[in-house]
């Protein structure tokens, strides 16, 4: 990840390149978690992702989530507090 690249943009770019999704929505929902564990001033701590891609066909929900986490990589995953996923094949 480039030093000045926003986490939201990094997540979008990485998932787009990894899965060529037919649908991809990445939202920074950090502000709605103000006062809760893991909240970071300035956001970029809590994300909601909706992704649809043919690659997820035939995968269990756990396998889909593991594929997304693997694509993002451990450095990205450890920099964010929460990643809510809605994954669909298609």
N, C-alpha and C. Protein backbone atom coordinates (compact mmCIF):
# COMPACT_ATOMS: atom_id res chain seq x y z
N UNK A 1 0.84 -1.18 0.00
CA UNK A 1 0.00 0.00 0.00
C UNK A 1 0.88 1.24 0.00
N UNK A 2 0.58 2.19 -0.88
CA UNK A 2 1.32 3.44 -0.91
C UNK A 2 1.11 4.18 0.39
N UNK A 3 2.12 4.89 0.82
CA UNK A 3 2.08 5.56 2.12
C UNK A 3 0.89 6.51 2.27
N UNK A 4 0.56 7.29 1.24
CA UNK A 4 -0.50 8.28 1.34
C UNK A 4 -1.85 7.78 0.84
N UNK A 5 -1.90 6.55 0.35
CA UNK A 5 -3.15 6.00 -0.16
C UNK A 5 -4.12 5.75 0.98
N UNK A 6 -5.35 6.20 0.84
CA UNK A 6 -6.37 5.95 1.85
C UNK A 6 -6.70 4.46 1.90
N UNK A 7 -6.99 3.97 3.08
CA UNK A 7 -7.30 2.55 3.25
C UNK A 7 -8.50 2.16 2.40
N UNK A 8 -9.54 2.99 2.36
CA UNK A 8 -10.73 2.69 1.56
C UNK A 8 -10.33 2.48 0.10
N UNK A 9 -9.50 3.37 -0.44
CA UNK A 9 -9.07 3.25 -1.83
C UNK A 9 -8.22 2.00 -2.04
N UNK A 10 -7.39 1.70 -1.07
CA UNK A 10 -6.54 0.50 -1.15
C UNK A 10 -7.41 -0.77 -1.18
N UNK A 11 -8.40 -0.84 -0.32
CA UNK A 11 -9.29 -2.00 -0.28
C UNK A 11 -10.02 -2.16 -1.61
N UNK A 12 -10.59 -1.06 -2.12
CA UNK A 12 -11.30 -1.10 -3.40
C UNK A 12 -10.39 -1.59 -4.53
N UNK A 13 -9.21 -0.98 -4.63
CA UNK A 13 -8.28 -1.32 -5.70
C UNK A 13 -7.85 -2.78 -5.62
N UNK A 14 -7.52 -3.23 -4.42
CA UNK A 14 -7.06 -4.60 -4.25
C UNK A 14 -8.15 -5.61 -4.60
N UNK A 15 -9.37 -5.38 -4.12
CA UNK A 15 -10.46 -6.32 -4.41
C UNK A 15 -10.84 -6.28 -5.89
N UNK A 16 -10.81 -5.11 -6.50
CA UNK A 16 -11.10 -4.99 -7.94
C UNK A 16 -10.09 -5.80 -8.75
N UNK A 17 -8.82 -5.64 -8.43
CA UNK A 17 -7.77 -6.35 -9.16
C UNK A 17 -7.79 -7.86 -8.89
N UNK A 18 -8.14 -8.26 -7.68
CA UNK A 18 -8.11 -9.67 -7.30
C UNK A 18 -9.29 -10.47 -7.81
N UNK A 19 -10.47 -9.84 -7.86
CA UNK A 19 -11.69 -10.61 -8.16
C UNK A 19 -12.46 -10.13 -9.39
N UNK A 20 -12.12 -8.98 -9.97
CA UNK A 20 -12.88 -8.43 -11.09
C UNK A 20 -14.39 -8.54 -10.83
N UNK A 21 -14.85 -7.95 -9.74
CA UNK A 21 -16.25 -8.12 -9.32
C UNK A 21 -17.24 -7.44 -10.25
N UNK A 22 -18.46 -7.99 -10.26
CA UNK A 22 -19.56 -7.35 -10.97
C UNK A 22 -20.20 -6.28 -10.09
N UNK A 23 -19.98 -6.38 -8.79
CA UNK A 23 -20.43 -5.36 -7.83
C UNK A 23 -19.36 -5.24 -6.75
N UNK A 24 -19.04 -4.00 -6.40
CA UNK A 24 -18.09 -3.75 -5.32
C UNK A 24 -18.44 -2.42 -4.66
N UNK A 25 -18.79 -2.50 -3.39
CA UNK A 25 -19.08 -1.31 -2.59
C UNK A 25 -18.25 -1.41 -1.33
N UNK A 26 -17.43 -0.39 -1.08
CA UNK A 26 -16.61 -0.34 0.12
C UNK A 26 -16.94 0.95 0.85
N UNK A 27 -17.41 0.82 2.09
CA UNK A 27 -17.78 1.97 2.89
C UNK A 27 -16.94 2.05 4.15
N UNK A 28 -16.46 3.24 4.46
CA UNK A 28 -15.78 3.49 5.73
C UNK A 28 -16.87 3.89 6.72
N UNK A 29 -17.19 2.99 7.63
CA UNK A 29 -18.27 3.22 8.61
C UNK A 29 -17.69 3.50 10.00
N UNK A 30 -16.46 3.95 10.04
CA UNK A 30 -15.75 4.16 11.30
C UNK A 30 -16.48 5.13 12.22
N UNK A 31 -17.00 6.21 11.66
CA UNK A 31 -17.63 7.23 12.49
C UNK A 31 -18.80 6.67 13.30
N UNK A 32 -19.50 5.70 12.76
CA UNK A 32 -20.63 5.11 13.50
C UNK A 32 -20.16 4.27 14.68
N UNK A 33 -18.86 4.07 14.80
CA UNK A 33 -18.30 3.29 15.91
C UNK A 33 -17.54 4.17 16.91
N UNK A 34 -17.72 5.48 16.79
CA UNK A 34 -17.06 6.42 17.72
C UNK A 34 -17.42 6.03 19.16
N UNK A 35 -16.40 5.94 20.00
CA UNK A 35 -16.61 5.58 21.40
C UNK A 35 -16.54 4.08 21.65
N UNK A 36 -16.47 3.29 20.59
CA UNK A 36 -16.39 1.84 20.73
C UNK A 36 -14.95 1.38 20.57
N UNK A 37 -14.71 0.15 20.93
CA UNK A 37 -13.38 -0.45 20.81
C UNK A 37 -12.89 -0.38 19.37
N UNK A 38 -11.65 -0.01 19.21
CA UNK A 38 -11.03 -0.01 17.90
C UNK A 38 -11.22 1.26 17.10
N UNK A 39 -12.06 2.18 17.58
CA UNK A 39 -12.27 3.42 16.84
C UNK A 39 -10.98 4.22 16.80
N UNK A 40 -10.68 4.77 15.62
CA UNK A 40 -9.50 5.61 15.45
C UNK A 40 -9.96 6.97 14.95
N UNK A 41 -9.48 8.03 15.57
CA UNK A 41 -9.79 9.37 15.10
C UNK A 41 -9.34 9.49 13.65
N UNK A 42 -10.19 10.03 12.81
CA UNK A 42 -9.86 10.15 11.39
C UNK A 42 -10.40 9.00 10.55
N UNK A 43 -11.02 8.03 11.20
CA UNK A 43 -11.64 6.92 10.47
C UNK A 43 -10.65 5.84 10.07
N UNK A 44 -11.03 5.12 9.04
CA UNK A 44 -10.24 4.04 8.48
C UNK A 44 -9.99 2.90 9.46
N UNK A 45 -10.98 2.63 10.31
CA UNK A 45 -10.86 1.52 11.26
C UNK A 45 -11.95 0.46 11.07
N UNK A 46 -13.10 0.85 10.54
CA UNK A 46 -14.24 -0.05 10.36
C UNK A 46 -14.76 0.09 8.92
N UNK A 47 -14.89 -1.06 8.24
CA UNK A 47 -15.33 -1.04 6.85
C UNK A 47 -16.44 -2.07 6.61
N UNK A 48 -17.37 -1.70 5.73
CA UNK A 48 -18.39 -2.61 5.22
C UNK A 48 -18.08 -2.83 3.74
N UNK A 49 -17.99 -4.09 3.33
CA UNK A 49 -17.70 -4.42 1.94
C UNK A 49 -18.79 -5.34 1.40
N UNK A 50 -19.32 -4.98 0.24
CA UNK A 50 -20.22 -5.85 -0.52
C UNK A 50 -19.51 -6.14 -1.83
N UNK A 51 -19.36 -7.42 -2.13
CA UNK A 51 -18.65 -7.82 -3.35
C UNK A 51 -19.35 -9.02 -3.98
N UNK A 52 -19.51 -8.94 -5.30
CA UNK A 52 -20.06 -10.06 -6.09
C UNK A 52 -19.06 -10.39 -7.18
N UNK A 53 -18.69 -11.66 -7.26
CA UNK A 53 -17.73 -12.08 -8.30
C UNK A 53 -17.90 -13.56 -8.60
N UNK A 54 -17.68 -13.92 -9.83
CA UNK A 54 -17.82 -15.31 -10.26
C UNK A 54 -16.89 -16.24 -9.48
N UNK A 55 -15.74 -15.74 -9.05
CA UNK A 55 -14.76 -16.57 -8.33
C UNK A 55 -15.32 -17.15 -7.04
N UNK A 56 -16.35 -16.54 -6.48
CA UNK A 56 -16.91 -17.01 -5.22
C UNK A 56 -17.91 -18.16 -5.39
N UNK A 57 -18.23 -18.47 -6.64
CA UNK A 57 -19.18 -19.54 -6.92
C UNK A 57 -18.66 -20.87 -6.39
N UNK A 58 -19.50 -21.60 -5.69
CA UNK A 58 -19.14 -22.91 -5.17
C UNK A 58 -18.36 -22.87 -3.86
N UNK A 59 -18.02 -21.67 -3.39
CA UNK A 59 -17.30 -21.54 -2.12
C UNK A 59 -18.29 -21.42 -0.96
N UNK A 60 -17.90 -21.97 0.18
CA UNK A 60 -18.69 -21.76 1.39
C UNK A 60 -18.49 -20.30 1.82
N UNK A 61 -19.32 -19.84 2.72
CA UNK A 61 -19.19 -18.48 3.24
C UNK A 61 -17.80 -18.27 3.87
N UNK A 62 -17.34 -19.25 4.61
CA UNK A 62 -16.02 -19.17 5.24
C UNK A 62 -14.92 -19.07 4.18
N UNK A 63 -15.02 -19.87 3.14
CA UNK A 63 -14.02 -19.83 2.06
C UNK A 63 -14.02 -18.47 1.35
N UNK A 64 -15.22 -17.91 1.15
CA UNK A 64 -15.33 -16.58 0.53
C UNK A 64 -14.63 -15.53 1.38
N UNK A 65 -14.90 -15.55 2.68
CA UNK A 65 -14.30 -14.57 3.58
C UNK A 65 -12.79 -14.75 3.65
N UNK A 66 -12.34 -15.98 3.66
CA UNK A 66 -10.89 -16.24 3.66
C UNK A 66 -10.25 -15.74 2.38
N UNK A 67 -10.93 -15.88 1.26
CA UNK A 67 -10.40 -15.40 -0.02
C UNK A 67 -10.23 -13.88 -0.01
N UNK A 68 -11.22 -13.18 0.54
CA UNK A 68 -11.14 -11.72 0.63
C UNK A 68 -9.99 -11.32 1.56
N UNK A 69 -9.92 -11.94 2.73
CA UNK A 69 -8.85 -11.63 3.68
C UNK A 69 -7.48 -11.91 3.07
N UNK A 70 -7.36 -13.02 2.36
CA UNK A 70 -6.10 -13.38 1.71
C UNK A 70 -5.71 -12.35 0.66
N UNK A 71 -6.68 -11.91 -0.13
CA UNK A 71 -6.41 -10.91 -1.17
C UNK A 71 -5.93 -9.60 -0.55
N UNK A 72 -6.54 -9.20 0.54
CA UNK A 72 -6.15 -7.95 1.20
C UNK A 72 -4.79 -8.07 1.87
N UNK A 73 -4.48 -9.26 2.36
CA UNK A 73 -3.19 -9.50 2.97
C UNK A 73 -3.14 -9.14 4.44
N UNK A 74 -2.21 -9.75 5.16
CA UNK A 74 -2.13 -9.57 6.61
C UNK A 74 -1.81 -8.14 7.04
N UNK A 75 -1.04 -7.40 6.25
CA UNK A 75 -0.72 -6.03 6.64
C UNK A 75 -1.95 -5.14 6.65
N UNK A 76 -2.81 -5.31 5.66
CA UNK A 76 -4.05 -4.54 5.62
C UNK A 76 -4.99 -4.97 6.74
N UNK A 77 -5.16 -6.27 6.90
CA UNK A 77 -6.08 -6.79 7.91
C UNK A 77 -5.69 -6.32 9.31
N UNK A 78 -4.42 -6.29 9.62
CA UNK A 78 -4.02 -5.88 10.98
C UNK A 78 -4.13 -4.37 11.20
N UNK A 79 -4.23 -3.58 10.13
CA UNK A 79 -4.36 -2.12 10.27
C UNK A 79 -5.79 -1.66 10.49
N UNK A 80 -6.76 -2.53 10.24
CA UNK A 80 -8.15 -2.16 10.45
C UNK A 80 -8.72 -2.95 11.62
N UNK A 81 -9.75 -2.40 12.23
CA UNK A 81 -10.34 -3.06 13.40
C UNK A 81 -11.46 -4.02 13.00
N UNK A 82 -12.28 -3.63 12.03
CA UNK A 82 -13.44 -4.46 11.67
C UNK A 82 -13.69 -4.41 10.18
N UNK A 83 -14.02 -5.56 9.62
CA UNK A 83 -14.32 -5.69 8.20
C UNK A 83 -15.57 -6.55 8.08
N UNK A 84 -16.70 -5.91 7.80
CA UNK A 84 -17.97 -6.62 7.61
C UNK A 84 -18.10 -6.96 6.13
N UNK A 85 -18.31 -8.24 5.82
CA UNK A 85 -18.35 -8.69 4.43
C UNK A 85 -19.71 -9.24 4.05
N UNK A 86 -20.18 -8.80 2.88
CA UNK A 86 -21.30 -9.44 2.20
C UNK A 86 -20.73 -9.91 0.87
N UNK A 87 -20.64 -11.22 0.71
CA UNK A 87 -20.00 -11.80 -0.48
C UNK A 87 -21.02 -12.64 -1.24
N UNK A 88 -21.08 -12.40 -2.55
CA UNK A 88 -22.01 -13.15 -3.41
C UNK A 88 -21.26 -13.66 -4.63
N UNK A 89 -21.70 -14.78 -5.15
CA UNK A 89 -21.15 -15.25 -6.43
C UNK A 89 -21.96 -14.62 -7.54
N UNK A 90 -21.31 -14.26 -8.61
CA UNK A 90 -22.07 -13.68 -9.70
C UNK A 90 -21.36 -12.73 -10.52
